[in-house]
C-alpha atoms as a PDB file:
ATOM      1  CA  UNK A   1     -15.055 -21.121 -60.667  1.00  0.00           C
ATOM      2  CA  UNK A   2     -15.519 -18.162 -63.014  1.00  0.00           C
ATOM      3  CA  UNK A   3     -13.267 -17.827 -66.022  1.00  0.00           C
ATOM      4  CA  UNK A   4     -11.954 -14.539 -67.294  1.00  0.00           C
ATOM      5  CA  UNK A   5     -10.277 -14.512 -70.684  1.00  0.00           C
ATOM      6  CA  UNK A   6      -7.912 -11.670 -71.416  1.00  0.00           C
ATOM      7  CA  UNK A   7      -5.975 -10.778 -74.534  1.00  0.00           C
ATOM      8  CA  UNK A   8      -3.811  -7.841 -75.466  1.00  0.00           C
ATOM      9  CA  UNK A   9      -6.951  -6.109 -76.755  1.00  0.00           C
ATOM     10  CA  UNK A  10      -9.013  -6.705 -73.603  1.00  0.00           C
ATOM     11  CA  UNK A  11      -6.303  -6.376 -70.955  1.00  0.00           C
ATOM     12  CA  UNK A  12      -7.441  -4.026 -68.139  1.00  0.00           C
ATOM     13  CA  UNK A  13      -5.628  -0.728 -67.994  1.00  0.00           C
ATOM     14  CA  UNK A  14      -5.681  -0.432 -64.205  1.00  0.00           C
ATOM     15  CA  UNK A  15      -5.649  -2.694 -61.177  1.00  0.00           C
ATOM     16  CA  UNK A  16      -9.085  -1.426 -60.145  1.00  0.00           C
ATOM     17  CA  UNK A  17     -10.499  -2.317 -63.579  1.00  0.00           C
ATOM     18  CA  UNK A  18      -8.998  -5.810 -63.193  1.00  0.00           C
ATOM     19  CA  UNK A  19     -10.545  -6.184 -59.709  1.00  0.00           C
ATOM     20  CA  UNK A  20     -13.885  -5.034 -61.095  1.00  0.00           C
ATOM     21  CA  UNK A  21     -13.803  -7.708 -63.814  1.00  0.00           C
ATOM     22  CA  UNK A  22     -13.108 -10.365 -61.218  1.00  0.00           C
ATOM     23  CA  UNK A  23     -15.961  -9.149 -59.014  1.00  0.00           C
ATOM     24  CA  UNK A  24     -18.330  -9.061 -61.996  1.00  0.00           C
ATOM     25  CA  UNK A  25     -17.402 -12.623 -62.949  1.00  0.00           C
ATOM     26  CA  UNK A  26     -18.101 -13.849 -59.410  1.00  0.00           C
ATOM     27  CA  UNK A  27     -21.464 -12.067 -59.285  1.00  0.00           C
ATOM     28  CA  UNK A  28     -22.577 -13.699 -62.531  1.00  0.00           C
ATOM     29  CA  UNK A  29     -21.838 -17.187 -61.209  1.00  0.00           C
ATOM     30  CA  UNK A  30     -24.812 -19.272 -60.143  1.00  0.00           C
ATOM     31  CA  UNK A  31     -24.494 -21.551 -57.074  1.00  0.00           C
ATOM     32  CA  UNK A  32     -25.584 -24.512 -59.181  1.00  0.00           C
ATOM     33  CA  UNK A  33     -22.413 -24.003 -61.263  1.00  0.00           C
ATOM     34  CA  UNK A  34     -20.330 -24.688 -58.165  1.00  0.00           C
ATOM     35  CA  UNK A  35     -22.345 -27.830 -57.472  1.00  0.00           C
ATOM     36  CA  UNK A  36     -21.906 -29.097 -61.030  1.00  0.00           C
ATOM     37  CA  UNK A  37     -18.164 -28.442 -60.853  1.00  0.00           C
ATOM     38  CA  UNK A  38     -17.973 -30.297 -57.538  1.00  0.00           C
ATOM     39  CA  UNK A  39     -19.816 -33.309 -58.977  1.00  0.00           C
ATOM     40  CA  UNK A  40     -17.399 -33.323 -61.918  1.00  0.00           C
ATOM     41  CA  UNK A  41     -14.407 -33.214 -59.565  1.00  0.00           C
ATOM     42  CA  UNK A  42     -15.797 -36.113 -57.534  1.00  0.00           C
ATOM     43  CA  UNK A  43     -16.414 -38.176 -60.683  1.00  0.00           C
ATOM     44  CA  UNK A  44     -12.821 -37.634 -61.801  1.00  0.00           C
ATOM     45  CA  UNK A  45     -11.489 -38.720 -58.404  1.00  0.00           C
ATOM     46  CA  UNK A  46     -13.727 -41.789 -58.445  1.00  0.00           C
ATOM     47  CA  UNK A  47     -12.416 -42.778 -61.875  1.00  0.00           C
ATOM     48  CA  UNK A  48      -8.810 -42.185 -60.862  1.00  0.00           C
ATOM     49  CA  UNK A  49      -9.026 -44.249 -57.672  1.00  0.00           C
ATOM     50  CA  UNK A  50     -11.620 -46.841 -58.735  1.00  0.00           C
ATOM     51  CA  UNK A  51     -13.879 -46.074 -55.758  1.00  0.00           C
ATOM     52  CA  UNK A  52     -17.187 -44.340 -55.335  1.00  0.00           C
ATOM     53  CA  UNK A  53     -17.006 -41.227 -53.197  1.00  0.00           C
ATOM     54  CA  UNK A  54     -19.306 -42.866 -50.638  1.00  0.00           C
ATOM     55  CA  UNK A  55     -17.049 -45.929 -50.310  1.00  0.00           C
ATOM     56  CA  UNK A  56     -13.938 -43.756 -50.221  1.00  0.00           C
ATOM     57  CA  UNK A  57     -15.387 -41.535 -47.497  1.00  0.00           C
ATOM     58  CA  UNK A  58     -16.417 -44.470 -45.319  1.00  0.00           C
ATOM     59  CA  UNK A  59     -12.929 -45.955 -45.589  1.00  0.00           C
ATOM     60  CA  UNK A  60     -11.338 -42.537 -45.053  1.00  0.00           C
ATOM     61  CA  UNK A  61     -13.374 -42.030 -41.872  1.00  0.00           C
ATOM     62  CA  UNK A  62     -12.164 -45.423 -40.597  1.00  0.00           C
ATOM     63  CA  UNK A  63      -8.553 -44.346 -41.229  1.00  0.00           C
ATOM     64  CA  UNK A  64      -7.977 -46.843 -44.024  1.00  0.00           C
ATOM     65  CA  UNK A  65      -7.031 -44.372 -46.766  1.00  0.00           C
ATOM     66  CA  UNK A  66      -4.043 -42.553 -45.304  1.00  0.00           C
ATOM     67  CA  UNK A  67      -3.440 -38.819 -45.165  1.00  0.00           C
ATOM     68  CA  UNK A  68      -2.282 -37.967 -48.666  1.00  0.00           C
ATOM     69  CA  UNK A  69      -3.218 -34.359 -49.505  1.00  0.00           C
ATOM     70  CA  UNK A  70      -5.314 -35.423 -52.521  1.00  0.00           C
ATOM     71  CA  UNK A  71      -7.312 -37.802 -50.342  1.00  0.00           C
ATOM     72  CA  UNK A  72      -7.849 -35.163 -47.679  1.00  0.00           C
ATOM     73  CA  UNK A  73      -9.140 -32.809 -50.371  1.00  0.00           C
ATOM     74  CA  UNK A  74     -11.402 -35.556 -51.710  1.00  0.00           C
ATOM     75  CA  UNK A  75     -12.858 -36.056 -48.224  1.00  0.00           C
ATOM     76  CA  UNK A  76     -13.481 -32.314 -47.961  1.00  0.00           C
ATOM     77  CA  UNK A  77     -15.189 -32.304 -51.358  1.00  0.00           C
ATOM     78  CA  UNK A  78     -17.457 -35.149 -50.239  1.00  0.00           C
ATOM     79  CA  UNK A  79     -18.422 -33.172 -47.133  1.00  0.00           C
ATOM     80  CA  UNK A  80     -19.100 -30.017 -49.153  1.00  0.00           C
ATOM     81  CA  UNK A  81     -21.099 -32.070 -51.671  1.00  0.00           C
ATOM     82  CA  UNK A  82     -23.290 -33.471 -48.915  1.00  0.00           C
ATOM     83  CA  UNK A  83     -23.936 -30.013 -47.485  1.00  0.00           C
ATOM     84  CA  UNK A  84     -24.695 -28.475 -50.881  1.00  0.00           C
ATOM     85  CA  UNK A  85     -26.958 -31.382 -51.856  1.00  0.00           C
ATOM     86  CA  UNK A  86     -28.931 -31.058 -48.628  1.00  0.00           C
ATOM     87  CA  UNK A  87     -29.334 -27.305 -49.227  1.00  0.00           C
ATOM     88  CA  UNK A  88     -30.463 -27.895 -52.812  1.00  0.00           C
ATOM     89  CA  UNK A  89     -32.894 -30.609 -51.706  1.00  0.00           C
ATOM     90  CA  UNK A  90     -34.380 -28.220 -49.132  1.00  0.00           C
ATOM     91  CA  UNK A  91     -34.675 -25.465 -51.728  1.00  0.00           C
ATOM     92  CA  UNK A  92     -36.414 -27.741 -54.234  1.00  0.00           C
ATOM     93  CA  UNK A  93     -38.779 -29.003 -51.545  1.00  0.00           C
ATOM     94  CA  UNK A  94     -39.752 -25.416 -50.725  1.00  0.00           C
ATOM     95  CA  UNK A  95     -40.255 -24.651 -54.398  1.00  0.00           C
ATOM     96  CA  UNK A  96     -42.465 -27.701 -54.834  1.00  0.00           C
ATOM     97  CA  UNK A  97     -44.472 -26.791 -51.788  1.00  0.00           C
ATOM     98  CA  UNK A  98     -44.934 -23.056 -52.301  1.00  0.00           C
ATOM     99  CA  UNK A  99     -43.894 -21.906 -55.739  1.00  0.00           C
ATOM    100  CA  UNK A 100     -45.140 -24.483 -58.217  1.00  0.00           C
ATOM    101  CA  UNK A 101     -48.702 -24.271 -59.531  1.00  0.00           C
ATOM    102  CA  UNK A 102     -51.198 -26.657 -58.013  1.00  0.00           C
ATOM    103  CA  UNK A 103     -52.425 -29.519 -60.234  1.00  0.00           C
ATOM    104  CA  UNK A 104     -55.818 -28.943 -61.818  1.00  0.00           C
END
């Protein structure tokens, strides 16, 4: 998620200027940043609960983990991770196939 740091010297003078700064921050964000942040979040959850995300998700799907809000969010993060990873894998495969120079 983008970070905007404001101080008394840099505080926007109008609401539209504030909205513009937020929009600019979002535009400058690369999708890979979101993926890296997601991986970090999953690693923290794995450390906290002493389970890999794969093991957690399997147990969650079988109904063995309960319905605590943190666990439901973890399951959602695992699903988003899998989707993003598949998209990235597809993108890298296309790059390897069409955009990288051929070996000599």
